[in-house]
Amino acid sequence: MKIKGAKYEVMKSAMLAIIERYGRKAIAKHFEGRSDTWVFWALWSQASFDLRNSDTHPAFGKGRVRTVPHNADFNIYSDGVNDNHIETALKKICNEAGIGALHRLSLVT
């Protein structure tokens, strides 16, 4: 896996914060019928937005609630990382957190 060390830990912490905020059951219900890949990227979109943007971003001024602390130094695409590497890390993080399709199915039924 290309993403490891501190970068992986920041990514994992951000994803777990998003999962904790919304809850596994709510995620399972909201994303019912979606592929794992779609769900993982949707959650990462939320996490990475918070990581990348400071409180001065207009979304936070319009009521968006920050879940993940801003990290101005975090750049997921540094060190030659591409979307395939991100997806591999997301699969590992989400499956360990119980957000994979089999886990979601058991939460909905």
C-alpha atoms as a PDB file:
ATOM      1  CA  MET A   1       0.000   0.000   0.000  1.00  0.00           C
ATOM      2  CA  LYS A   2       1.505   3.318  -1.076  1.00  0.00           C
ATOM      3  CA  ILE A   3      -0.203   5.457   1.582  1.00  0.00           C
ATOM      4  CA  LYS A   4       1.335   4.677   4.949  1.00  0.00           C
ATOM      5  CA  GLY A   5       2.846   6.243   8.011  1.00  0.00           C
ATOM      6  CA  ALA A   6       1.701   9.693   9.069  1.00  0.00           C
ATOM      7  CA  LYS A   7      -0.306  10.262   5.885  1.00  0.00           C
ATOM      8  CA  TYR A   8      -2.272   7.047   6.434  1.00  0.00           C
ATOM      9  CA  GLU A   9      -2.883   7.904  10.089  1.00  0.00           C
ATOM     10  CA  VAL A  10      -4.280  11.357   9.211  1.00  0.00           C
ATOM     11  CA  MET A  11      -6.488   9.801   6.554  1.00  0.00           C
ATOM     12  CA  LYS A  12      -7.672   7.043   8.897  1.00  0.00           C
ATOM     13  CA  SER A  13      -8.380   9.454  11.742  1.00  0.00           C
ATOM     14  CA  ALA A  14     -10.392  11.716   9.432  1.00  0.00           C
ATOM     15  CA  MET A  15     -12.422   8.825   8.025  1.00  0.00           C
ATOM     16  CA  LEU A  16     -13.145   7.375  11.460  1.00  0.00           C
ATOM     17  CA  ALA A  17     -14.314  10.804  12.661  1.00  0.00           C
ATOM     18  CA  ILE A  18     -16.784  11.010   9.756  1.00  0.00           C
ATOM     19  CA  ILE A  19     -17.993   7.449  10.342  1.00  0.00           C
ATOM     20  CA  GLU A  20     -18.440   8.158  14.054  1.00  0.00           C
ATOM     21  CA  ARG A  21     -20.278  11.408  13.375  1.00  0.00           C
ATOM     22  CA  TYR A  22     -22.886   9.865  11.094  1.00  0.00           C
ATOM     23  CA  GLY A  23     -22.969   6.369  12.586  1.00  0.00           C
ATOM     24  CA  ARG A  24     -22.700   3.038  10.839  1.00  0.00           C
ATOM     25  CA  LYS A  25     -26.469   2.432  10.706  1.00  0.00           C
ATOM     26  CA  ALA A  26     -27.194   5.843   9.195  1.00  0.00           C
ATOM     27  CA  ILE A  27     -24.425   5.355   6.642  1.00  0.00           C
ATOM     28  CA  ALA A  28     -25.776   1.904   5.762  1.00  0.00           C
ATOM     29  CA  LYS A  29     -29.301   3.234   5.305  1.00  0.00           C
ATOM     30  CA  HIS A  30     -28.272   6.360   3.388  1.00  0.00           C
ATOM     31  CA  PHE A  31     -25.990   4.482   0.989  1.00  0.00           C
ATOM     32  CA  GLU A  32     -28.112   1.354   0.584  1.00  0.00           C
ATOM     33  CA  GLY A  33     -27.622  -0.087  -2.886  1.00  0.00           C
ATOM     34  CA  ARG A  34     -24.399   1.827  -3.551  1.00  0.00           C
ATOM     35  CA  SER A  35     -21.097   0.121  -4.251  1.00  0.00           C
ATOM     36  CA  ASP A  36     -18.363   0.055  -1.643  1.00  0.00           C
ATOM     37  CA  THR A  37     -16.222   2.257  -3.836  1.00  0.00           C
ATOM     38  CA  TRP A  38     -18.962   4.877  -4.101  1.00  0.00           C
ATOM     39  CA  VAL A  39     -19.541   4.886  -0.340  1.00  0.00           C
ATOM     40  CA  PHE A  40     -15.835   5.070   0.520  1.00  0.00           C
ATOM     41  CA  TRP A  41     -15.268   8.026  -1.832  1.00  0.00           C
ATOM     42  CA  ALA A  42     -18.397   9.828  -0.583  1.00  0.00           C
ATOM     43  CA  LEU A  43     -17.166   9.566   3.003  1.00  0.00           C
ATOM     44  CA  TRP A  44     -13.637  10.592   1.975  1.00  0.00           C
ATOM     45  CA  SER A  45     -15.078  13.623   0.218  1.00  0.00           C
ATOM     46  CA  GLN A  46     -16.524  14.786   3.538  1.00  0.00           C
ATOM     47  CA  ALA A  47     -13.352  14.032   5.480  1.00  0.00           C
ATOM     48  CA  SER A  48     -10.970  15.585   2.969  1.00  0.00           C
ATOM     49  CA  PHE A  49     -13.062  18.760   2.681  1.00  0.00           C
ATOM     50  CA  ASP A  50     -12.598  19.387   6.390  1.00  0.00           C
ATOM     51  CA  LEU A  51      -8.890  18.537   6.226  1.00  0.00           C
ATOM     52  CA  ARG A  52      -8.212  20.883   3.324  1.00  0.00           C
ATOM     53  CA  ASN A  53     -10.327  23.897   4.250  1.00  0.00           C
ATOM     54  CA  SER A  54      -9.908  26.329   7.112  1.00  0.00           C
ATOM     55  CA  ASP A  55     -12.783  27.873   9.039  1.00  0.00           C
ATOM     56  CA  THR A  56     -12.675  30.844   6.662  1.00  0.00           C
ATOM     57  CA  HIS A  57     -14.153  28.706   3.862  1.00  0.00           C
ATOM     58  CA  PRO A  58     -17.649  29.997   3.012  1.00  0.00           C
ATOM     59  CA  ALA A  59     -19.235  26.596   3.719  1.00  0.00           C
ATOM     60  CA  PHE A  60     -18.324  26.895   7.394  1.00  0.00           C
ATOM     61  CA  GLY A  61     -19.772  30.403   7.467  1.00  0.00           C
ATOM     62  CA  LYS A  62     -23.038  29.014   6.103  1.00  0.00           C
ATOM     63  CA  GLY A  63     -23.472  26.432   8.844  1.00  0.00           C
ATOM     64  CA  ARG A  64     -21.330  23.472   7.832  1.00  0.00           C
ATOM     65  CA  VAL A  65     -20.194  21.659  10.959  1.00  0.00           C
ATOM     66  CA  ARG A  66     -16.521  20.717  11.099  1.00  0.00           C
ATOM     67  CA  THR A  67     -15.930  17.079  11.971  1.00  0.00           C
ATOM     68  CA  VAL A  68     -12.235  16.811  11.150  1.00  0.00           C
ATOM     69  CA  PRO A  69      -9.641  19.400  12.219  1.00  0.00           C
ATOM     70  CA  HIS A  70      -8.133  21.497   9.436  1.00  0.00           C
ATOM     71  CA  ASN A  71      -4.637  20.338   8.462  1.00  0.00           C
ATOM     72  CA  ALA A  72      -2.979  22.859   6.151  1.00  0.00           C
ATOM     73  CA  ASP A  73       0.073  20.622   5.706  1.00  0.00           C
ATOM     74  CA  PHE A  74      -1.854  17.547   4.560  1.00  0.00           C
ATOM     75  CA  ASN A  75      -1.640  16.797   0.836  1.00  0.00           C
ATOM     76  CA  ILE A  76      -2.980  13.385  -0.064  1.00  0.00           C
ATOM     77  CA  TYR A  77      -1.522  13.620  -3.590  1.00  0.00           C
ATOM     78  CA  SER A  78       2.065  14.285  -2.539  1.00  0.00           C
ATOM     79  CA  ASP A  79       4.683  11.578  -2.975  1.00  0.00           C
ATOM     80  CA  GLY A  80       3.200  10.301  -6.251  1.00  0.00           C
ATOM     81  CA  VAL A  81      -0.089   9.187  -4.698  1.00  0.00           C
ATOM     82  CA  ASN A  82      -2.981   8.822  -7.123  1.00  0.00           C
ATOM     83  CA  ASP A  83      -6.666   7.899  -6.806  1.00  0.00           C
ATOM     84  CA  ASN A  84      -5.910   4.155  -6.993  1.00  0.00           C
ATOM     85  CA  HIS A  85      -3.666   4.451  -3.945  1.00  0.00           C
ATOM     86  CA  ILE A  86      -6.298   6.472  -2.105  1.00  0.00           C
ATOM     87  CA  GLU A  87      -8.945   3.888  -2.935  1.00  0.00           C
ATOM     88  CA  THR A  88      -6.763   1.068  -1.598  1.00  0.00           C
ATOM     89  CA  ALA A  89      -6.320   2.922   1.695  1.00  0.00           C
ATOM     90  CA  LEU A  90     -10.054   3.724   1.844  1.00  0.00           C
ATOM     91  CA  LYS A  91     -10.936   0.049   1.386  1.00  0.00           C
ATOM     92  CA  LYS A  92      -8.640  -0.939   4.244  1.00  0.00           C
ATOM     93  CA  ILE A  93      -9.898   1.800   6.579  1.00  0.00           C
ATOM     94  CA  CYS A  94     -13.588   1.316   5.827  1.00  0.00           C
ATOM     95  CA  ASN A  95     -13.547  -2.470   5.955  1.00  0.00           C
ATOM     96  CA  GLU A  96     -11.763  -2.372   9.304  1.00  0.00           C
ATOM     97  CA  ALA A  97     -14.359   0.161  10.497  1.00  0.00           C
ATOM     98  CA  GLY A  98     -17.269  -2.054   9.422  1.00  0.00           C
ATOM     99  CA  ILE A  99     -18.462   0.051   6.490  1.00  0.00           C
ATOM    100  CA  GLY A 100     -17.972  -2.525   3.716  1.00  0.00           C
ATOM    101  CA  ALA A 101     -21.020  -3.836   1.813  1.00  0.00           C
ATOM    102  CA  LEU A 102     -21.409  -6.966   3.931  1.00  0.00           C
ATOM    103  CA  HIS A 103     -21.288  -4.898   7.099  1.00  0.00           C
ATOM    104  CA  ARG A 104     -23.785  -2.363   5.715  1.00  0.00           C
ATOM    105  CA  LEU A 105     -26.186  -5.133   4.667  1.00  0.00           C
ATOM    106  CA  SER A 106     -26.273  -6.543   8.192  1.00  0.00           C
ATOM    107  CA  LEU A 107     -26.988  -3.071   9.626  1.00  0.00           C
ATOM    108  CA  VAL A 108     -29.977  -2.462   7.329  1.00  0.00           C
ATOM    109  CA  THR A 109     -31.694  -5.837   7.643  1.00  0.00           C
END
